[in-house]
Amino acid sequence: MGLYAGMDLHSQNTFVGILEKGSMRRVYQKRIPNDMPHLLYEIEPFREELEGIVVESTFNWYWLVDGLMDAGYRCVHLANPSAMKQYEGLKHVDDKHDAFWLAQMLSLGILPQGYIYPKEERPIRDLLRKRSYLVRQRTSNILSLQSMIERQTGQRVSSNVLKKITEEKIKELFKEDHLVLSAMANMLTMRALDQQIRIIEKTVKNSIKLRKEFECLLTVTGIGDILALTIMLEVGDIRRFEKVGNFSSYCRCVSSTRISNGKSKGKGNSKNGNRYLAWAFIEAATISRRYNERLNRFYQRKAAKKNGIVATKALSNKLARACYYVMRDQVPFKEEMLAP
C-alpha cells in the first residue's frame, strides 16, 4: 500500500505527516527544523513507498520543493491554500492535523493544487515582480506629492509633470522650508526608483525573450515589451487553463460576490489567483484606453454607471479574456476578441 506525505511548512520548521493510502493509518509524524539535509534524512526510510508528497504553498516554499525534487522525489505537489477550506465545525486544528489533512486530500485525488513554476525562470520572474513593486512605490510618491501641491497651493499638477519636476520648481511652489524638504523627499525617492526600474528592465530584456506563443501579446493595445514579459513569466503554460473563465479568474478579474436567490450572501476568496497578473492587466487597461477609442468608450460608459476603479477593472477583464485567446491560439489581437 502506497504512502502519502503532507508537509505543513512554517518559517522555522515543517511538520511532516505520512499516512497509508486506503486505511489512512498514520505511520510517521514529526516536527522538523527547516534544514534540507535533516528533512531528507527523516523521510529517507519511506522513499520507495512514497507515492506523493504535498507541500503547502506558503511564502517560503521554493527551497523545500526544489530540495525534494533535486533529491529525486518526482511526486512532489504544491497545495493551493486559497482554494482549500477545512470543515468549520472542527474544534481543534493544529499543525499535525493540517499535515495529515494535506496528505489525505492528495491520496484521495481531491487536492487543489498550485502550479510549480519552472525553477530556471523563477529568478527572472521574481525580478519583474520586484519591478512591479517599485513601480507601485513610485506611483505612491507621485500621488503623495500631487496631493501635497494641491493641498498647499490649490493647483492640480499632472503625474507626467511631476515625474520631471525639479528642485527649483519645488522651491517655487513651496515657500516654507519644511514643505520643501518634504517635497524633495518625494522627488529624490522617485528618481532613485526610476533608476532601479530602468536597470531591471534593461537586465530583463537582455536575459529573456518572448517565447513564440506569447509574441502576439505585443499586438494588444496597452501591452509593451515589459508587460508582455511579465504576463509570459506569470502564466508559464497557457494550456493549464482549460477555459477563458479559468484564466480571467486566475488574473483576479472575476467578481468574488456570492449570490443566492438574487441576494448577496457575502464574498468569496478575492485573494485566490495571481496578484501580479491582476496588476499587469490593470496597467494594460489604463494605457489601452488612451489609445483605443472603442476601449475608451467602454471605460467611459462603465465609469458613468459606477466609478473609475470599477471601470478599469472591467476593462482589465476584457483584455485578460482577449489575451487568453491570443496566447492559446497564437494569433494577433483583433477588436472582435473583445466581448460586448
Protein backbone atom coordinates (compact mmCIF):
# COMPACT_ATOMS: atom_id res chain seq x y z
CA MET A 1 0.00 0.00 0.00
CA GLY A 2 1.44 3.38 -1.00
CA LEU A 3 2.31 6.20 1.37
CA TYR A 4 1.47 9.90 1.13
CA ALA A 5 3.26 12.71 2.98
CA GLY A 6 1.86 16.09 3.96
CA MET A 7 4.23 18.90 4.93
CA ASP A 8 2.85 21.84 6.90
CA LEU A 9 5.55 24.43 6.24
CA HIS A 10 6.36 27.33 8.59
CA SER A 11 9.12 29.92 8.75
CA GLN A 12 11.40 27.87 11.04
CA ASN A 13 10.11 24.32 10.93
CA THR A 14 7.96 21.85 9.00
CA PHE A 15 5.54 19.32 10.45
CA VAL A 16 5.67 16.12 8.39
CA GLY A 17 2.86 13.59 8.49
CA ILE A 18 2.93 10.35 6.48
CA LEU A 19 -0.09 8.09 6.15
CA GLU A 20 -1.00 4.87 4.37
CA LYS A 21 -3.40 5.11 1.45
CA GLY A 22 -6.70 3.33 1.93
CA SER A 23 -6.51 2.66 5.65
CA MET A 24 -5.33 6.24 6.35
CA ARG A 25 -3.12 4.78 9.08
CA ARG A 26 -0.57 7.28 10.31
CA VAL A 27 2.91 5.82 10.01
CA TYR A 28 5.09 8.86 10.78
CA GLN A 29 4.71 12.30 12.36
CA LYS A 30 7.37 14.77 13.44
CA ARG A 31 8.21 18.47 13.54
CA ILE A 32 11.50 19.02 11.70
CA PRO A 33 13.66 22.18 11.57
CA ASN A 34 13.83 23.85 8.15
CA ASP A 35 17.09 22.17 7.20
CA MET A 36 17.10 20.22 3.94
CA PRO A 37 19.65 17.50 4.88
CA HIS A 38 17.84 16.88 8.16
CA LEU A 39 14.43 16.61 6.47
CA LEU A 40 15.74 14.29 3.73
CA TYR A 41 17.31 12.06 6.38
CA GLU A 42 13.99 11.76 8.22
CA ILE A 43 11.90 10.74 5.19
CA GLU A 44 14.56 8.55 3.50
CA PRO A 45 13.22 5.28 5.05
CA PHE A 46 9.90 5.87 3.26
CA ARG A 47 11.33 6.82 -0.17
CA GLU A 48 10.43 3.62 -2.01
CA GLU A 49 6.82 3.60 -0.80
CA LEU A 50 6.08 7.32 -1.14
CA GLU A 51 3.63 7.91 -3.98
CA GLY A 52 3.05 11.57 -3.26
CA ILE A 53 4.39 14.47 -1.22
CA VAL A 54 2.36 17.64 -0.78
CA VAL A 55 3.75 20.97 0.43
CA GLU A 56 1.50 23.87 1.34
CA SER A 57 2.14 26.91 -0.88
CA THR A 58 3.39 29.39 1.71
CA PHE A 59 5.68 32.37 1.07
CA ASN A 60 8.82 30.21 1.52
CA TRP A 61 8.05 27.02 -0.44
CA TYR A 62 10.84 27.36 -3.06
CA TRP A 63 13.66 25.79 -1.04
CA LEU A 64 11.58 22.84 0.15
CA VAL A 65 10.01 21.86 -3.19
CA ASP A 66 13.29 22.38 -5.08
CA GLY A 67 15.24 20.41 -2.46
CA LEU A 68 12.85 17.46 -2.63
CA MET A 69 12.94 17.40 -6.43
CA ASP A 70 16.74 17.71 -6.51
CA ALA A 71 16.91 14.73 -4.14
CA GLY A 72 14.98 12.62 -6.67
CA TYR A 73 11.43 12.91 -5.37
CA ARG A 74 9.34 13.40 -8.53
CA CYS A 75 5.98 13.02 -6.82
CA VAL A 76 6.00 16.49 -5.22
CA HIS A 77 2.80 18.55 -5.31
CA LEU A 78 2.06 22.10 -4.24
CA ALA A 79 -1.20 22.70 -2.37
CA ASN A 80 -3.15 25.87 -3.11
CA PRO A 81 -4.23 27.18 0.34
CA SER A 82 -6.56 29.79 -1.16
CA ALA A 83 -8.67 27.04 -2.74
CA MET A 84 -8.82 24.83 0.37
CA LYS A 85 -11.17 25.17 3.28
CA GLN A 86 -11.46 22.79 6.19
CA TYR A 87 -14.73 21.98 7.89
CA GLU A 88 -15.50 24.95 10.15
CA GLY A 89 -17.14 22.78 12.79
CA LEU A 90 -13.80 21.29 13.88
CA LYS A 91 -13.00 22.16 17.49
CA HIS A 92 -9.27 21.56 17.38
CA VAL A 93 -6.87 22.04 14.49
CA ASP A 94 -3.09 22.10 14.73
CA ASP A 95 -0.02 21.57 12.56
CA LYS A 96 -0.23 17.78 12.88
CA HIS A 97 -3.85 17.79 11.75
CA ASP A 98 -3.03 20.08 8.82
CA ALA A 99 -0.15 17.90 7.63
CA PHE A 100 -2.23 14.71 7.64
CA TRP A 101 -5.19 16.52 6.10
CA LEU A 102 -2.99 17.57 3.16
CA ALA A 103 -1.72 14.02 2.74
CA GLN A 104 -5.26 12.63 2.91
CA MET A 105 -6.56 15.04 0.24
CA LEU A 106 -3.68 14.11 -2.06
CA SER A 107 -4.26 10.38 -1.58
CA LEU A 108 -7.96 10.82 -2.43
CA GLY A 109 -7.15 12.85 -5.55
CA ILE A 110 -9.08 15.95 -4.41
CA LEU A 111 -6.20 18.26 -3.53
CA PRO A 112 -6.48 21.78 -5.06
CA GLN A 113 -3.00 22.18 -6.48
CA GLY A 114 -0.83 25.19 -7.16
CA TYR A 115 1.50 25.50 -10.14
CA ILE A 116 5.16 24.63 -9.56
CA TYR A 117 6.79 27.19 -11.80
CA PRO A 118 9.97 26.00 -13.57
CA LYS A 119 12.96 26.63 -11.34
CA GLU A 120 15.14 28.05 -14.14
CA GLU A 121 12.88 31.03 -14.92
CA ARG A 122 11.75 31.74 -11.38
CA PRO A 123 14.54 34.25 -10.52
CA ILE A 124 13.81 36.49 -13.51
CA ARG A 125 10.08 36.28 -12.81
CA ASP A 126 10.78 37.43 -9.26
CA LEU A 127 12.91 40.27 -10.63
CA LEU A 128 9.93 41.50 -12.66
CA ARG A 129 7.81 41.18 -9.54
CA LYS A 130 10.30 43.47 -7.81
CA ARG A 131 9.89 45.93 -10.68
CA SER A 132 6.11 46.00 -10.22
CA TYR A 133 6.67 46.68 -6.51
CA LEU A 134 8.99 49.59 -7.33
CA VAL A 135 6.51 50.99 -9.87
CA ARG A 136 3.80 50.98 -7.20
CA GLN A 137 6.16 52.75 -4.81
CA ARG A 138 6.90 55.39 -7.46
CA THR A 139 3.19 55.92 -8.08
CA SER A 140 2.64 56.28 -4.34
CA ASN A 141 5.27 59.03 -4.17
CA ILE A 142 3.79 60.81 -7.20
CA LEU A 143 0.33 60.79 -5.62
CA SER A 144 1.75 62.00 -2.31
CA LEU A 145 3.48 64.95 -3.97
CA GLN A 146 0.43 65.68 -6.12
CA SER A 147 -1.79 65.77 -3.05
CA MET A 148 0.66 67.98 -1.19
CA ILE A 149 0.81 70.54 -4.01
CA GLU A 150 -2.97 70.65 -4.33
CA ARG A 151 -3.41 70.98 -0.57
CA GLN A 152 -0.90 73.80 -0.20
CA THR A 153 -1.42 75.75 -3.44
CA GLY A 154 -4.77 74.72 -4.89
CA GLN A 155 -3.03 73.73 -8.15
CA ARG A 156 -3.64 70.39 -9.87
CA VAL A 157 -0.40 69.10 -11.41
CA SER A 158 -0.43 66.04 -13.68
CA SER A 159 1.65 62.98 -12.87
CA ASN A 160 3.63 63.38 -16.11
CA VAL A 161 4.74 66.85 -14.99
CA LEU A 162 5.66 65.60 -11.52
CA LYS A 163 7.88 62.87 -12.98
CA LYS A 164 10.12 65.67 -14.37
CA ILE A 165 9.81 68.16 -11.51
CA THR A 166 12.99 69.96 -10.45
CA GLU A 167 14.30 71.32 -7.18
CA GLU A 168 13.85 74.88 -8.48
CA LYS A 169 10.18 74.22 -9.25
CA ILE A 170 9.61 72.76 -5.80
CA LYS A 171 11.11 75.86 -4.15
CA GLU A 172 8.91 77.98 -6.35
CA LEU A 173 5.78 76.11 -5.26
CA PHE A 174 6.56 75.98 -1.53
CA LYS A 175 7.87 78.91 0.49
CA GLU A 176 8.21 77.09 3.81
CA ASP A 177 11.45 75.10 4.32
CA HIS A 178 9.77 72.10 5.92
CA LEU A 179 7.40 71.73 2.98
CA VAL A 180 10.30 71.99 0.54
CA LEU A 181 12.13 69.23 2.44
CA SER A 182 9.03 67.02 2.37
CA ALA A 183 8.54 67.55 -1.39
CA MET A 184 12.25 66.96 -2.04
CA ALA A 185 11.99 63.59 -0.26
CA ASN A 186 9.27 62.56 -2.73
CA MET A 187 11.23 63.83 -5.72
CA LEU A 188 14.53 62.14 -4.79
CA THR A 189 12.75 58.87 -3.99
CA MET A 190 11.03 58.97 -7.38
CA ARG A 191 14.37 59.49 -9.14
CA ALA A 192 16.00 56.63 -7.25
CA LEU A 193 13.09 54.33 -8.08
CA ASP A 194 13.23 55.39 -11.75
CA GLN A 195 16.89 54.42 -11.89
CA GLN A 196 16.31 50.98 -10.37
CA ILE A 197 13.30 50.33 -12.61
CA ARG A 198 15.36 51.14 -15.72
CA ILE A 199 18.17 48.83 -14.57
CA ILE A 200 15.73 45.96 -14.01
CA GLU A 201 14.03 46.50 -17.38
CA LYS A 202 17.36 46.52 -19.21
CA THR A 203 18.52 43.38 -17.40
CA VAL A 204 15.30 41.51 -18.12
CA LYS A 205 15.29 42.43 -21.81
CA ASN A 206 18.89 41.22 -22.13
CA SER A 207 18.18 37.99 -20.25
CA ILE A 208 14.99 36.62 -21.78
CA LYS A 209 12.93 36.92 -24.94
CA LEU A 210 9.25 36.35 -25.54
CA ARG A 211 8.51 32.76 -26.43
CA LYS A 212 6.70 32.17 -29.71
CA GLU A 213 3.30 31.56 -28.12
CA PHE A 214 3.49 34.92 -26.36
CA GLU A 215 4.82 37.12 -29.19
CA CYS A 216 1.31 38.12 -30.29
CA LEU A 217 0.77 39.81 -26.92
CA LEU A 218 2.63 42.78 -28.40
CA THR A 219 -0.29 43.31 -30.78
CA VAL A 220 -2.64 44.01 -27.85
CA THR A 221 -3.26 47.69 -27.24
CA GLY A 222 -1.65 48.73 -23.95
CA ILE A 223 0.86 45.87 -23.74
CA GLY A 224 4.52 46.56 -24.47
CA ASP A 225 7.70 44.54 -24.01
CA ILE A 226 7.83 44.59 -20.21
CA LEU A 227 4.14 43.86 -19.64
CA ALA A 228 4.28 41.06 -22.23
CA LEU A 229 7.27 39.50 -20.46
CA THR A 230 5.51 39.90 -17.10
CA ILE A 231 2.43 38.09 -18.41
CA MET A 232 4.53 35.35 -20.02
CA LEU A 233 6.51 34.68 -16.86
CA GLU A 234 3.43 34.69 -14.63
CA VAL A 235 1.33 32.49 -16.92
CA GLY A 236 4.01 29.89 -17.62
CA ASP A 237 1.98 27.45 -19.71
CA ILE A 238 -1.32 28.81 -21.04
CA ARG A 239 -2.54 25.24 -21.61
CA ARG A 240 -3.02 24.77 -17.88
CA PHE A 241 -6.12 26.97 -18.16
CA GLU A 242 -8.86 24.87 -19.75
CA LYS A 243 -11.27 27.77 -20.34
CA VAL A 244 -11.08 31.53 -20.67
CA GLY A 245 -13.07 31.86 -17.44
CA ASN A 246 -10.39 29.93 -15.55
CA PHE A 247 -7.75 32.33 -16.82
CA SER A 248 -9.67 35.54 -16.06
CA SER A 249 -10.42 34.19 -12.59
CA TYR A 250 -6.71 33.43 -12.06
CA CYS A 251 -6.00 37.05 -13.07
CA ARG A 252 -8.41 38.20 -10.33
CA CYS A 253 -10.63 39.83 -12.94
CA VAL A 254 -13.75 37.98 -11.79
CA SER A 255 -16.01 39.23 -9.01
CA SER A 256 -15.91 37.17 -5.80
CA THR A 257 -19.50 38.01 -4.84
CA ARG A 258 -21.75 35.14 -3.75
CA ILE A 259 -25.36 35.43 -4.95
CA SER A 260 -28.26 33.23 -3.87
CA ASN A 261 -31.87 33.84 -4.98
CA GLY A 262 -30.84 37.26 -6.26
CA LYS A 263 -29.40 38.32 -2.91
CA SER A 264 -25.80 38.86 -1.87
CA LYS A 265 -24.54 36.21 0.55
CA GLY A 266 -21.11 37.67 1.13
CA LYS A 267 -17.88 37.37 -0.81
CA GLY A 268 -15.61 34.55 -1.84
CA ASN A 269 -11.83 34.48 -1.57
CA SER A 270 -10.75 37.57 -3.50
CA LYS A 271 -7.08 36.65 -2.96
CA ASN A 272 -7.39 33.41 -4.91
CA GLY A 273 -5.38 33.98 -8.08
CA ASN A 274 -2.27 35.80 -9.23
CA ARG A 275 -1.96 39.37 -7.98
CA TYR A 276 0.88 40.14 -10.39
CA LEU A 277 -1.26 39.26 -13.41
CA ALA A 278 -4.06 41.33 -11.90
CA TRP A 279 -1.67 44.29 -11.69
CA ALA A 280 -0.37 43.71 -15.24
CA PHE A 281 -3.86 43.81 -16.78
CA ILE A 282 -4.82 46.88 -14.72
CA GLU A 283 -1.73 48.59 -16.17
CA ALA A 284 -2.68 47.44 -19.68
CA ALA A 285 -6.24 48.71 -19.20
CA THR A 286 -5.03 52.12 -18.01
CA ILE A 287 -2.75 52.50 -21.04
CA SER A 288 -5.05 50.96 -23.65
CA ARG A 289 -7.97 53.32 -23.14
CA ARG A 290 -5.73 56.25 -24.04
CA TYR A 291 -5.01 54.84 -27.49
CA ASN A 292 -8.05 52.74 -28.40
CA GLU A 293 -11.33 54.60 -28.96
CA ARG A 294 -13.51 51.51 -28.53
CA LEU A 295 -11.90 50.63 -25.20
CA ASN A 296 -12.13 54.24 -24.05
CA ARG A 297 -15.87 54.35 -24.83
CA PHE A 298 -16.36 51.15 -22.84
CA TYR A 299 -14.43 52.65 -19.94
CA GLN A 300 -16.44 55.90 -20.02
CA ARG A 301 -19.77 54.01 -20.02
CA LYS A 302 -18.74 51.93 -17.03
CA ALA A 303 -17.30 54.92 -15.18
CA ALA A 304 -20.56 56.86 -15.69
CA LYS A 305 -22.57 54.00 -14.17
CA LYS A 306 -20.19 53.12 -11.34
CA ASN A 307 -16.78 54.77 -10.92
CA GLY A 308 -13.32 54.81 -12.46
CA ILE A 309 -11.98 51.93 -10.37
CA VAL A 310 -14.80 49.58 -11.37
CA ALA A 311 -14.49 50.69 -14.99
CA THR A 312 -10.74 49.98 -15.06
CA LYS A 313 -11.30 46.55 -13.50
CA ALA A 314 -13.99 45.72 -16.08
CA LEU A 315 -11.68 46.81 -18.90
CA SER A 316 -8.84 44.70 -17.49
CA ASN A 317 -11.18 41.69 -17.58
CA LYS A 318 -11.90 42.32 -21.27
CA LEU A 319 -8.19 42.48 -22.05
CA ALA A 320 -7.40 39.37 -19.99
CA ARG A 321 -10.04 37.35 -21.84
CA ALA A 322 -8.80 38.60 -25.22
CA CYS A 323 -5.19 37.80 -24.27
CA TYR A 324 -6.17 34.25 -23.39
CA TYR A 325 -7.17 33.58 -27.00
CA VAL A 326 -4.13 35.49 -28.30
CA MET A 327 -1.82 33.22 -26.28
CA ARG A 328 -3.73 29.98 -26.71
CA ASP A 329 -4.24 30.27 -30.46
CA GLN A 330 -1.08 32.32 -31.15
CA VAL A 331 -2.98 34.87 -33.21
CA PRO A 332 -2.71 38.69 -33.37
CA PHE A 333 -5.14 40.75 -31.31
CA LYS A 334 -8.33 41.91 -33.02
CA GLU A 335 -11.06 44.10 -31.55
CA GLU A 336 -13.56 41.35 -32.35
CA MET A 337 -11.99 39.38 -29.48
CA LEU A 338 -13.43 41.92 -27.03
CA ALA A 339 -16.70 40.56 -25.72
CA PRO A 340 -19.59 43.06 -26.00
